[in-house]
Amino acid sequence: MNRKTIALRLFFRMAVLSCGLAVRLAHAVAQCTVPEVQAELQRSYSGWQVVSLEDLRAEDRDLWIKQHGTDCPGIFKAKLKSKAYKSYAVTIFKRDHELQQALLILNDGQGIHSISILSGPQEVAYLSVVSKAPPGKYVDVTGKKIAVSLDSVLYEAIEAGSTLYYFRNGRFSSITVSE
């Protein structure tokens, strides 16, 4: 093969890979758009947006994709407060003079009817992600053990630490599961 043929093959492979990544990112952004959540955020948190794959640092995006594929790193729906209905766990951010992030639960019965703030708006160096943790037993960094009967929220600063938020006795509590 001559150099021109090799260069063309390399170019086409890179183009195909780039298109594949663009399609995956577009799919992931679409997963981060839930109409009823967007409407409530527009009312209560105007100017804030749900964390998406494209918002993450490149190395965090790569690690997220390895673990979760193109799932949205900023929202999921699960039975967080009751076995009877689902809620949305949502992490949102905005950039003003600094980067701020918050973690919310949007309670969904027959539409969004209330918001619980798990981690209030705070300045961050980079964005954290949110994922569903199934019912089960968990251990915090001090060795404290808990059993959780509903889905929980894992709020993670990738490769820096994670907090598990779980609902018990009418309120959310949390443990640090990694530092």
C-alpha atoms as a PDB file:
ATOM      1  CA  MET A   1       0.000   0.000   0.000  1.00  0.00           C
ATOM      2  CA  ASN A   2       1.205   3.464  -0.746  1.00  0.00           C
ATOM      3  CA  ARG A   3       1.154   6.408   1.652  1.00  0.00           C
ATOM      4  CA  LYS A   4      -1.887   7.996   0.028  1.00  0.00           C
ATOM      5  CA  THR A   5      -3.978   4.837   0.516  1.00  0.00           C
ATOM      6  CA  ILE A   6      -2.869   4.507   4.141  1.00  0.00           C
ATOM      7  CA  ALA A   7      -3.645   8.169   4.794  1.00  0.00           C
ATOM      8  CA  LEU A   8      -7.127   7.829   3.240  1.00  0.00           C
ATOM      9  CA  ARG A   9      -7.921   4.725   5.311  1.00  0.00           C
ATOM     10  CA  LEU A  10      -6.757   6.471   8.479  1.00  0.00           C
ATOM     11  CA  PHE A  11      -8.844   9.528   7.596  1.00  0.00           C
ATOM     12  CA  PHE A  12     -11.991   7.441   7.025  1.00  0.00           C
ATOM     13  CA  ARG A  13     -11.492   5.471  10.257  1.00  0.00           C
ATOM     14  CA  MET A  14     -11.137   8.708  12.222  1.00  0.00           C
ATOM     15  CA  ALA A  15     -14.227  10.143  10.513  1.00  0.00           C
ATOM     16  CA  VAL A  16     -16.278   7.049  11.391  1.00  0.00           C
ATOM     17  CA  LEU A  17     -15.069   7.145  15.012  1.00  0.00           C
ATOM     18  CA  SER A  18     -15.853  10.860  15.277  1.00  0.00           C
ATOM     19  CA  CYS A  19     -19.354  10.333  13.871  1.00  0.00           C
ATOM     20  CA  GLY A  20     -19.938   7.477  16.310  1.00  0.00           C
ATOM     21  CA  LEU A  21     -18.928   9.660  19.251  1.00  0.00           C
ATOM     22  CA  ALA A  22     -21.121  12.510  17.996  1.00  0.00           C
ATOM     23  CA  VAL A  23     -24.126  10.175  17.704  1.00  0.00           C
ATOM     24  CA  ARG A  24     -23.503   8.798  21.216  1.00  0.00           C
ATOM     25  CA  LEU A  25     -23.223  12.312  22.666  1.00  0.00           C
ATOM     26  CA  ALA A  26     -26.403  13.425  20.870  1.00  0.00           C
ATOM     27  CA  HIS A  27     -28.245  10.359  22.238  1.00  0.00           C
ATOM     28  CA  ALA A  28     -26.940  11.100  25.748  1.00  0.00           C
ATOM     29  CA  VAL A  29     -28.042  14.754  25.565  1.00  0.00           C
ATOM     30  CA  ALA A  30     -31.520  13.617  24.489  1.00  0.00           C
ATOM     31  CA  GLN A  31     -31.673  11.297  27.533  1.00  0.00           C
ATOM     32  CA  CYS A  32     -30.968  14.310  29.761  1.00  0.00           C
ATOM     33  CA  THR A  33     -34.049  16.096  28.431  1.00  0.00           C
ATOM     34  CA  VAL A  34     -37.194  15.075  30.310  1.00  0.00           C
ATOM     35  CA  PRO A  35     -40.003  17.542  29.457  1.00  0.00           C
ATOM     36  CA  GLU A  36     -41.706  17.637  32.873  1.00  0.00           C
ATOM     37  CA  VAL A  37     -38.337  18.016  34.625  1.00  0.00           C
ATOM     38  CA  GLN A  38     -37.228  20.747  32.212  1.00  0.00           C
ATOM     39  CA  ALA A  39     -40.492  22.629  32.775  1.00  0.00           C
ATOM     40  CA  GLU A  40     -40.102  22.506  36.565  1.00  0.00           C
ATOM     41  CA  LEU A  41     -36.437  23.527  36.403  1.00  0.00           C
ATOM     42  CA  GLN A  42     -37.421  26.470  34.150  1.00  0.00           C
ATOM     43  CA  ARG A  43     -39.893  27.598  36.847  1.00  0.00           C
ATOM     44  CA  SER A  44     -37.751  26.983  39.939  1.00  0.00           C
ATOM     45  CA  TYR A  45     -34.145  27.048  38.694  1.00  0.00           C
ATOM     46  CA  SER A  46     -34.083  29.306  35.660  1.00  0.00           C
ATOM     47  CA  GLY A  47     -30.613  29.469  34.137  1.00  0.00           C
ATOM     48  CA  TRP A  48     -29.585  26.060  35.528  1.00  0.00           C
ATOM     49  CA  GLN A  49     -29.187  22.989  33.324  1.00  0.00           C
ATOM     50  CA  VAL A  50     -29.029  19.225  33.839  1.00  0.00           C
ATOM     51  CA  VAL A  51     -25.497  17.804  33.715  1.00  0.00           C
ATOM     52  CA  SER A  52     -24.961  15.956  30.424  1.00  0.00           C
ATOM     53  CA  LEU A  53     -22.055  13.971  29.002  1.00  0.00           C
ATOM     54  CA  GLU A  54     -20.800  16.944  27.019  1.00  0.00           C
ATOM     55  CA  ASP A  55     -20.542  19.001  30.239  1.00  0.00           C
ATOM     56  CA  LEU A  56     -18.102  16.580  31.892  1.00  0.00           C
ATOM     57  CA  ARG A  57     -14.331  16.846  31.741  1.00  0.00           C
ATOM     58  CA  ALA A  58     -12.956  14.551  29.001  1.00  0.00           C
ATOM     59  CA  GLU A  59     -11.444  12.006  31.414  1.00  0.00           C
ATOM     60  CA  ASP A  60     -14.647  11.934  33.512  1.00  0.00           C
ATOM     61  CA  ARG A  61     -16.734  11.471  30.357  1.00  0.00           C
ATOM     62  CA  ASP A  62     -14.575   8.508  29.306  1.00  0.00           C
ATOM     63  CA  LEU A  63     -14.896   6.873  32.748  1.00  0.00           C
ATOM     64  CA  TRP A  64     -18.657   7.484  32.816  1.00  0.00           C
ATOM     65  CA  ILE A  65     -19.119   5.923  29.360  1.00  0.00           C
ATOM     66  CA  LYS A  66     -17.094   2.851  30.407  1.00  0.00           C
ATOM     67  CA  GLN A  67     -19.366   2.342  33.442  1.00  0.00           C
ATOM     68  CA  HIS A  68     -22.749   3.603  32.218  1.00  0.00           C
ATOM     69  CA  GLY A  69     -22.639   3.835  28.432  1.00  0.00           C
ATOM     70  CA  THR A  70     -24.540   6.860  27.169  1.00  0.00           C
ATOM     71  CA  ASP A  71     -26.898   7.097  30.159  1.00  0.00           C
ATOM     72  CA  CYS A  72     -27.365  10.683  31.263  1.00  0.00           C
ATOM     73  CA  PRO A  73     -24.972  11.561  34.128  1.00  0.00           C
ATOM     74  CA  GLY A  74     -27.363  14.209  35.430  1.00  0.00           C
ATOM     75  CA  ILE A  75     -30.769  12.535  35.847  1.00  0.00           C
ATOM     76  CA  PHE A  76     -32.505   9.252  36.510  1.00  0.00           C
ATOM     77  CA  LYS A  77     -35.976   8.123  37.569  1.00  0.00           C
ATOM     78  CA  ALA A  78     -36.395   5.596  40.400  1.00  0.00           C
ATOM     79  CA  LYS A  79     -38.428   4.649  43.464  1.00  0.00           C
ATOM     80  CA  LEU A  80     -36.525   6.883  45.873  1.00  0.00           C
ATOM     81  CA  LYS A  81     -39.173   7.837  48.455  1.00  0.00           C
ATOM     82  CA  SER A  82     -41.891   5.231  48.012  1.00  0.00           C
ATOM     83  CA  LYS A  83     -42.570   1.940  46.291  1.00  0.00           C
ATOM     84  CA  ALA A  84     -45.810   3.508  45.024  1.00  0.00           C
ATOM     85  CA  TYR A  85     -44.311   6.180  42.756  1.00  0.00           C
ATOM     86  CA  LYS A  86     -41.057   7.308  41.204  1.00  0.00           C
ATOM     87  CA  SER A  87     -39.018  10.466  41.623  1.00  0.00           C
ATOM     88  CA  TYR A  88     -36.279  12.062  39.560  1.00  0.00           C
ATOM     89  CA  ALA A  89     -32.793  12.541  40.969  1.00  0.00           C
ATOM     90  CA  VAL A  90     -31.315  15.506  39.106  1.00  0.00           C
ATOM     91  CA  THR A  91     -27.987  17.269  39.346  1.00  0.00           C
ATOM     92  CA  ILE A  92     -27.971  20.728  37.833  1.00  0.00           C
ATOM     93  CA  PHE A  93     -25.355  23.406  37.299  1.00  0.00           C
ATOM     94  CA  LYS A  94     -24.807  26.942  36.135  1.00  0.00           C
ATOM     95  CA  ARG A  95     -21.757  29.001  35.306  1.00  0.00           C
ATOM     96  CA  ASP A  96     -21.775  32.601  36.433  1.00  0.00           C
ATOM     97  CA  HIS A  97     -18.568  33.909  37.877  1.00  0.00           C
ATOM     98  CA  GLU A  98     -17.973  30.427  39.239  1.00  0.00           C
ATOM     99  CA  LEU A  99     -19.270  26.928  38.554  1.00  0.00           C
ATOM    100  CA  GLN A 100     -22.162  26.001  40.864  1.00  0.00           C
ATOM    101  CA  GLN A 101     -23.909  22.654  41.234  1.00  0.00           C
ATOM    102  CA  ALA A 102     -26.893  21.282  43.154  1.00  0.00           C
ATOM    103  CA  LEU A 103     -28.550  17.890  43.668  1.00  0.00           C
ATOM    104  CA  LEU A 104     -32.348  17.742  43.691  1.00  0.00           C
ATOM    105  CA  ILE A 105     -35.147  15.214  43.975  1.00  0.00           C
ATOM    106  CA  LEU A 106     -38.208  16.071  41.907  1.00  0.00           C
ATOM    107  CA  ASN A 107     -41.109  14.129  43.341  1.00  0.00           C
ATOM    108  CA  ASP A 108     -43.383  12.717  40.669  1.00  0.00           C
ATOM    109  CA  GLY A 109     -46.872  11.510  41.555  1.00  0.00           C
ATOM    110  CA  GLN A 110     -49.209  12.765  38.869  1.00  0.00           C
ATOM    111  CA  GLY A 111     -46.608  15.218  37.579  1.00  0.00           C
ATOM    112  CA  ILE A 112     -43.866  17.031  39.466  1.00  0.00           C
ATOM    113  CA  HIS A 113     -45.354  18.209  42.750  1.00  0.00           C
ATOM    114  CA  SER A 114     -42.378  19.090  44.965  1.00  0.00           C
ATOM    115  CA  ILE A 115     -38.607  19.455  45.038  1.00  0.00           C
ATOM    116  CA  SER A 116     -36.261  18.205  47.760  1.00  0.00           C
ATOM    117  CA  ILE A 117     -32.758  19.677  47.877  1.00  0.00           C
ATOM    118  CA  LEU A 118     -30.172  17.030  48.784  1.00  0.00           C
ATOM    119  CA  SER A 119     -27.119  19.179  48.152  1.00  0.00           C
ATOM    120  CA  GLY A 120     -27.755  22.884  47.853  1.00  0.00           C
ATOM    121  CA  PRO A 121     -26.118  25.100  45.279  1.00  0.00           C
ATOM    122  CA  GLN A 122     -22.414  25.200  45.959  1.00  0.00           C
ATOM    123  CA  GLU A 123     -19.273  26.229  44.152  1.00  0.00           C
ATOM    124  CA  VAL A 124     -17.410  23.290  42.587  1.00  0.00           C
ATOM    125  CA  ALA A 125     -14.180  22.869  40.641  1.00  0.00           C
ATOM    126  CA  TYR A 126     -15.766  20.356  38.246  1.00  0.00           C
ATOM    127  CA  LEU A 127     -19.102  18.608  37.829  1.00  0.00           C
ATOM    128  CA  SER A 128     -20.259  15.555  39.743  1.00  0.00           C
ATOM    129  CA  VAL A 129     -22.577  12.873  38.353  1.00  0.00           C
ATOM    130  CA  VAL A 130     -25.613  11.060  39.684  1.00  0.00           C
ATOM    131  CA  SER A 131     -26.585   7.400  39.291  1.00  0.00           C
ATOM    132  CA  LYS A 132     -29.084   4.956  40.754  1.00  0.00           C
ATOM    133  CA  ALA A 133     -27.975   2.635  43.550  1.00  0.00           C
ATOM    134  CA  PRO A 134     -30.297  -0.359  44.028  1.00  0.00           C
ATOM    135  CA  PRO A 135     -31.780  -1.456  47.367  1.00  0.00           C
ATOM    136  CA  GLY A 136     -29.222  -3.335  49.424  1.00  0.00           C
ATOM    137  CA  LYS A 137     -26.539  -3.061  52.075  1.00  0.00           C
ATOM    138  CA  TYR A 138     -23.927  -0.306  52.018  1.00  0.00           C
ATOM    139  CA  VAL A 139     -20.887   0.556  54.112  1.00  0.00           C
ATOM    140  CA  ASP A 140     -19.549   4.070  54.627  1.00  0.00           C
ATOM    141  CA  VAL A 141     -15.874   5.030  54.830  1.00  0.00           C
ATOM    142  CA  THR A 142     -15.893   4.665  58.637  1.00  0.00           C
ATOM    143  CA  GLY A 143     -17.317   1.133  58.498  1.00  0.00           C
ATOM    144  CA  LYS A 144     -20.910   2.083  59.400  1.00  0.00           C
ATOM    145  CA  LYS A 145     -23.356  -0.322  57.711  1.00  0.00           C
ATOM    146  CA  ILE A 146     -26.853   0.471  56.494  1.00  0.00           C
ATOM    147  CA  ALA A 147     -29.582  -1.482  54.737  1.00  0.00           C
ATOM    148  CA  VAL A 148     -31.680   0.393  52.185  1.00  0.00           C
ATOM    149  CA  SER A 149     -35.065  -0.895  50.989  1.00  0.00           C
ATOM    150  CA  LEU A 150     -35.610   1.598  48.137  1.00  0.00           C
ATOM    151  CA  ASP A 151     -33.441   2.871  45.304  1.00  0.00           C
ATOM    152  CA  SER A 152     -30.859   5.431  46.406  1.00  0.00           C
ATOM    153  CA  VAL A 153     -28.878   8.252  44.833  1.00  0.00           C
ATOM    154  CA  LEU A 154     -25.132   7.922  44.313  1.00  0.00           C
ATOM    155  CA  TYR A 155     -23.681  11.427  43.915  1.00  0.00           C
ATOM    156  CA  GLU A 156     -20.124  11.102  42.665  1.00  0.00           C
ATOM    157  CA  ALA A 157     -17.200  13.364  41.968  1.00  0.00           C
ATOM    158  CA  ILE A 158     -15.527  10.897  39.606  1.00  0.00           C
ATOM    159  CA  GLU A 159     -12.291   9.521  41.064  1.00  0.00           C
ATOM    160  CA  ALA A 160     -12.638  11.854  44.053  1.00  0.00           C
ATOM    161  CA  GLY A 161     -15.451  10.452  46.214  1.00  0.00           C
ATOM    162  CA  SER A 162     -19.120   9.612  46.381  1.00  0.00           C
ATOM    163  CA  THR A 163     -22.059  10.071  48.715  1.00  0.00           C
ATOM    164  CA  LEU A 164     -25.076   7.782  48.919  1.00  0.00           C
ATOM    165  CA  TYR A 165     -28.401   9.528  49.646  1.00  0.00           C
ATOM    166  CA  TYR A 166     -31.167   7.238  50.855  1.00  0.00           C
ATOM    167  CA  PHE A 167     -34.721   7.759  52.138  1.00  0.00           C
ATOM    168  CA  ARG A 168     -35.637   6.450  55.568  1.00  0.00           C
ATOM    169  CA  ASN A 169     -38.089   7.518  58.299  1.00  0.00           C
ATOM    170  CA  GLY A 170     -39.612  10.278  56.181  1.00  0.00           C
ATOM    171  CA  ARG A 171     -36.374  12.023  55.188  1.00  0.00           C
ATOM    172  CA  PHE A 172     -33.193  11.676  53.157  1.00  0.00           C
ATOM    173  CA  SER A 173     -29.980  10.758  54.945  1.00  0.00           C
ATOM    174  CA  SER A 174     -26.524  10.251  53.519  1.00  0.00           C
ATOM    175  CA  ILE A 175     -23.286   8.347  53.988  1.00  0.00           C
ATOM    176  CA  THR A 176     -19.922   8.830  52.336  1.00  0.00           C
ATOM    177  CA  VAL A 177     -19.147   5.594  50.500  1.00  0.00           C
ATOM    178  CA  SER A 178     -15.797   6.590  49.031  1.00  0.00           C
ATOM    179  CA  GLU A 179     -13.261   9.388  49.353  1.00  0.00           C
END
